């Protein structure tokens, strides 16, 4: 892993993970399991489910911490799919950009955009997927 990638992962860690995906599952219209499954199969179905999940998050009335946590889980699903399907890196980078655009916190948005760039550059495997499951410091 190069120095830039290592730095990005260390900087991004606090903005990705807050709690487990289980709490995100309780949001009406936000089905992370379906998103993860669709994203593993093809980016087309994934794109629709991500858009629906983001819409559900935005209308759920979540506080900033819960919203950021759910968004981090969504980013984690996209990252996992990108790592498993490197041939579609550009499409997954675009999807990660959609997730970043939905962030309320500009730092979280920037961190997710950084991972989107790594995916686009073909470096998705350089991002530790555990980054999305970490507890805040």
C-alpha atoms as a PDB file:
ATOM      1  CA  UNK A   1       0.000   0.000   0.000  1.00  0.00           C
ATOM      2  CA  UNK A   2       1.495   3.354  -0.967  1.00  0.00           C
ATOM      3  CA  UNK A   3       1.899   6.281   1.427  1.00  0.00           C
ATOM      4  CA  UNK A   4      -1.089   8.208  -0.019  1.00  0.00           C
ATOM      5  CA  UNK A   5      -3.386   5.207   0.367  1.00  0.00           C
ATOM      6  CA  UNK A   6      -2.247   4.563   3.913  1.00  0.00           C
ATOM      7  CA  UNK A   7      -2.771   8.204   4.838  1.00  0.00           C
ATOM      8  CA  UNK A   8      -6.213   8.285   3.273  1.00  0.00           C
ATOM      9  CA  UNK A   9      -7.329   5.176   5.117  1.00  0.00           C
ATOM     10  CA  UNK A  10      -6.095   6.530   8.445  1.00  0.00           C
ATOM     11  CA  UNK A  11      -7.727   9.920   7.848  1.00  0.00           C
ATOM     12  CA  UNK A  12     -10.980   8.413   6.588  1.00  0.00           C
ATOM     13  CA  UNK A  13     -11.482   5.870   9.369  1.00  0.00           C
ATOM     14  CA  UNK A  14     -13.339   8.143  11.808  1.00  0.00           C
ATOM     15  CA  UNK A  15     -15.795   9.186   9.112  1.00  0.00           C
ATOM     16  CA  UNK A  16     -16.868   5.754   7.988  1.00  0.00           C
ATOM     17  CA  UNK A  17     -17.741   3.564  10.918  1.00  0.00           C
ATOM     18  CA  UNK A  18     -19.926   4.368  13.870  1.00  0.00           C
ATOM     19  CA  UNK A  19     -22.029   1.279  14.515  1.00  0.00           C
ATOM     20  CA  UNK A  20     -22.940  -2.017  12.985  1.00  0.00           C
ATOM     21  CA  UNK A  21     -25.081  -2.514   9.917  1.00  0.00           C
ATOM     22  CA  UNK A  22     -27.827  -3.933  12.130  1.00  0.00           C
ATOM     23  CA  UNK A  23     -28.901  -0.479  13.280  1.00  0.00           C
ATOM     24  CA  UNK A  24     -29.125   0.685   9.671  1.00  0.00           C
ATOM     25  CA  UNK A  25     -31.477  -2.188   8.887  1.00  0.00           C
ATOM     26  CA  UNK A  26     -34.173  -0.643  11.125  1.00  0.00           C
ATOM     27  CA  UNK A  27     -34.648   2.327   8.773  1.00  0.00           C
ATOM     28  CA  UNK A  28     -37.771   1.885   6.632  1.00  0.00           C
ATOM     29  CA  UNK A  29     -36.827   1.519   2.965  1.00  0.00           C
ATOM     30  CA  UNK A  30     -33.143   1.014   3.769  1.00  0.00           C
ATOM     31  CA  UNK A  31     -32.372  -2.626   3.030  1.00  0.00           C
ATOM     32  CA  UNK A  32     -28.618  -2.957   3.252  1.00  0.00           C
ATOM     33  CA  UNK A  33     -28.760  -6.703   2.656  1.00  0.00           C
ATOM     34  CA  UNK A  34     -30.534  -6.175  -0.671  1.00  0.00           C
ATOM     35  CA  UNK A  35     -28.097  -3.413  -1.626  1.00  0.00           C
ATOM     36  CA  UNK A  36     -25.076  -5.574  -0.838  1.00  0.00           C
ATOM     37  CA  UNK A  37     -26.486  -8.527  -2.788  1.00  0.00           C
ATOM     38  CA  UNK A  38     -27.400  -6.422  -5.819  1.00  0.00           C
ATOM     39  CA  UNK A  39     -24.059  -4.639  -5.824  1.00  0.00           C
ATOM     40  CA  UNK A  40     -22.219  -7.964  -5.862  1.00  0.00           C
ATOM     41  CA  UNK A  41     -24.146  -9.012  -8.978  1.00  0.00           C
ATOM     42  CA  UNK A  42     -24.181  -5.904 -11.187  1.00  0.00           C
ATOM     43  CA  UNK A  43     -23.833  -2.166 -10.911  1.00  0.00           C
ATOM     44  CA  UNK A  44     -27.166  -1.477 -12.663  1.00  0.00           C
ATOM     45  CA  UNK A  45     -29.439  -2.927  -9.978  1.00  0.00           C
ATOM     46  CA  UNK A  46     -27.063  -1.625  -7.360  1.00  0.00           C
ATOM     47  CA  UNK A  47     -27.451   1.945  -8.616  1.00  0.00           C
ATOM     48  CA  UNK A  48     -31.233   1.885  -8.165  1.00  0.00           C
ATOM     49  CA  UNK A  49     -31.053   0.362  -4.698  1.00  0.00           C
ATOM     50  CA  UNK A  50     -28.401   2.854  -3.585  1.00  0.00           C
ATOM     51  CA  UNK A  51     -30.546   5.745  -4.801  1.00  0.00           C
ATOM     52  CA  UNK A  52     -33.534   4.292  -2.918  1.00  0.00           C
ATOM     53  CA  UNK A  53     -31.460   3.731   0.223  1.00  0.00           C
ATOM     54  CA  UNK A  54     -30.143   7.291   0.150  1.00  0.00           C
ATOM     55  CA  UNK A  55     -33.680   8.609  -0.299  1.00  0.00           C
ATOM     56  CA  UNK A  56     -34.840   6.508   2.660  1.00  0.00           C
ATOM     57  CA  UNK A  57     -31.997   7.838   4.808  1.00  0.00           C
ATOM     58  CA  UNK A  58     -32.730  11.431   3.863  1.00  0.00           C
ATOM     59  CA  UNK A  59     -36.393  11.097   4.769  1.00  0.00           C
ATOM     60  CA  UNK A  60     -35.896   9.042   7.957  1.00  0.00           C
ATOM     61  CA  UNK A  61     -35.327  12.002  10.277  1.00  0.00           C
ATOM     62  CA  UNK A  62     -32.111  10.535  11.663  1.00  0.00           C
ATOM     63  CA  UNK A  63     -29.723  12.488  13.833  1.00  0.00           C
ATOM     64  CA  UNK A  64     -26.330  13.188  12.301  1.00  0.00           C
ATOM     65  CA  UNK A  65     -24.590  10.264  14.006  1.00  0.00           C
ATOM     66  CA  UNK A  66     -27.176   7.678  12.951  1.00  0.00           C
ATOM     67  CA  UNK A  67     -27.282   9.113   9.440  1.00  0.00           C
ATOM     68  CA  UNK A  68     -23.487   8.994   9.109  1.00  0.00           C
ATOM     69  CA  UNK A  69     -23.438   5.438  10.434  1.00  0.00           C
ATOM     70  CA  UNK A  70     -26.027   4.236   7.944  1.00  0.00           C
ATOM     71  CA  UNK A  71     -24.250   6.047   5.121  1.00  0.00           C
ATOM     72  CA  UNK A  72     -20.979   4.400   6.167  1.00  0.00           C
ATOM     73  CA  UNK A  73     -22.675   1.008   5.961  1.00  0.00           C
ATOM     74  CA  UNK A  74     -23.862   1.847   2.474  1.00  0.00           C
ATOM     75  CA  UNK A  75     -20.338   2.892   1.480  1.00  0.00           C
ATOM     76  CA  UNK A  76     -19.092  -0.400   2.910  1.00  0.00           C
ATOM     77  CA  UNK A  77     -21.436  -2.355   0.652  1.00  0.00           C
ATOM     78  CA  UNK A  78     -20.160  -0.476  -2.391  1.00  0.00           C
ATOM     79  CA  UNK A  79     -16.533  -0.976  -1.355  1.00  0.00           C
ATOM     80  CA  UNK A  80     -17.021  -4.695  -0.877  1.00  0.00           C
ATOM     81  CA  UNK A  81     -18.601  -5.009  -4.309  1.00  0.00           C
ATOM     82  CA  UNK A  82     -15.802  -2.957  -5.882  1.00  0.00           C
ATOM     83  CA  UNK A  83     -13.189  -5.180  -4.264  1.00  0.00           C
ATOM     84  CA  UNK A  84     -14.912  -8.298  -5.584  1.00  0.00           C
ATOM     85  CA  UNK A  85     -15.517  -6.883  -9.085  1.00  0.00           C
ATOM     86  CA  UNK A  86     -12.430  -4.890 -10.120  1.00  0.00           C
ATOM     87  CA  UNK A  87     -13.460  -4.958 -13.774  1.00  0.00           C
ATOM     88  CA  UNK A  88     -16.272  -2.516 -12.988  1.00  0.00           C
ATOM     89  CA  UNK A  89     -14.130  -0.099 -10.971  1.00  0.00           C
ATOM     90  CA  UNK A  90     -15.349   3.039 -12.751  1.00  0.00           C
ATOM     91  CA  UNK A  91     -18.999   2.172 -12.166  1.00  0.00           C
ATOM     92  CA  UNK A  92     -18.414   1.422  -8.475  1.00  0.00           C
ATOM     93  CA  UNK A  93     -16.425   4.646  -8.108  1.00  0.00           C
ATOM     94  CA  UNK A  94     -19.420   6.539  -9.498  1.00  0.00           C
ATOM     95  CA  UNK A  95     -21.718   4.774  -7.039  1.00  0.00           C
ATOM     96  CA  UNK A  96     -19.373   5.640  -4.178  1.00  0.00           C
ATOM     97  CA  UNK A  97     -19.510   9.238  -5.402  1.00  0.00           C
ATOM     98  CA  UNK A  98     -23.299   9.119  -5.096  1.00  0.00           C
ATOM     99  CA  UNK A  99     -22.928   7.957  -1.501  1.00  0.00           C
ATOM    100  CA  UNK A 100     -20.407  10.733  -0.801  1.00  0.00           C
ATOM    101  CA  UNK A 101     -22.771  13.333  -2.270  1.00  0.00           C
ATOM    102  CA  UNK A 102     -25.422  12.265   0.248  1.00  0.00           C
ATOM    103  CA  UNK A 103     -23.175  12.881   3.274  1.00  0.00           C
ATOM    104  CA  UNK A 104     -24.216  15.649   5.636  1.00  0.00           C
ATOM    105  CA  UNK A 105     -20.724  15.971   7.074  1.00  0.00           C
ATOM    106  CA  UNK A 106     -18.249  17.466   4.595  1.00  0.00           C
ATOM    107  CA  UNK A 107     -15.404  15.486   6.170  1.00  0.00           C
ATOM    108  CA  UNK A 108     -17.284  12.220   5.697  1.00  0.00           C
ATOM    109  CA  UNK A 109     -18.082  13.230   2.117  1.00  0.00           C
ATOM    110  CA  UNK A 110     -14.425  13.969   1.456  1.00  0.00           C
ATOM    111  CA  UNK A 111     -13.300  10.673   2.967  1.00  0.00           C
ATOM    112  CA  UNK A 112     -15.805   8.684   0.897  1.00  0.00           C
ATOM    113  CA  UNK A 113     -14.746  10.595  -2.226  1.00  0.00           C
ATOM    114  CA  UNK A 114     -11.158   9.601  -1.456  1.00  0.00           C
ATOM    115  CA  UNK A 115     -12.158   5.949  -1.397  1.00  0.00           C
ATOM    116  CA  UNK A 116     -14.117   6.479  -4.633  1.00  0.00           C
ATOM    117  CA  UNK A 117     -10.905   7.745  -6.211  1.00  0.00           C
ATOM    118  CA  UNK A 118      -9.000   4.701  -5.000  1.00  0.00           C
ATOM    119  CA  UNK A 119     -11.669   2.463  -6.503  1.00  0.00           C
ATOM    120  CA  UNK A 120     -11.504   4.337  -9.803  1.00  0.00           C
ATOM    121  CA  UNK A 121      -7.728   4.027  -9.816  1.00  0.00           C
ATOM    122  CA  UNK A 122      -8.038   0.259  -9.381  1.00  0.00           C
ATOM    123  CA  UNK A 123      -6.861   0.354  -5.789  1.00  0.00           C
ATOM    124  CA  UNK A 124     -10.041  -0.798  -4.013  1.00  0.00           C
ATOM    125  CA  UNK A 125      -8.123  -3.671  -2.448  1.00  0.00           C
ATOM    126  CA  UNK A 126      -5.853  -1.133  -0.749  1.00  0.00           C
ATOM    127  CA  UNK A 127      -8.759  -0.024   1.440  1.00  0.00           C
ATOM    128  CA  UNK A 128      -9.337  -2.198   4.479  1.00  0.00           C
ATOM    129  CA  UNK A 129     -13.053  -2.977   4.495  1.00  0.00           C
ATOM    130  CA  UNK A 130     -12.956  -2.959   8.306  1.00  0.00           C
ATOM    131  CA  UNK A 131     -12.742   0.817   8.047  1.00  0.00           C
ATOM    132  CA  UNK A 132     -16.529   0.860   7.836  1.00  0.00           C
ATOM    133  CA  UNK A 133     -17.044  -1.183  10.996  1.00  0.00           C
ATOM    134  CA  UNK A 134     -14.712   0.726  13.315  1.00  0.00           C
ATOM    135  CA  UNK A 135     -16.048   2.467  16.382  1.00  0.00           C
ATOM    136  CA  UNK A 136     -15.367   6.170  16.763  1.00  0.00           C
ATOM    137  CA  UNK A 137     -12.455   7.133  18.985  1.00  0.00           C
END
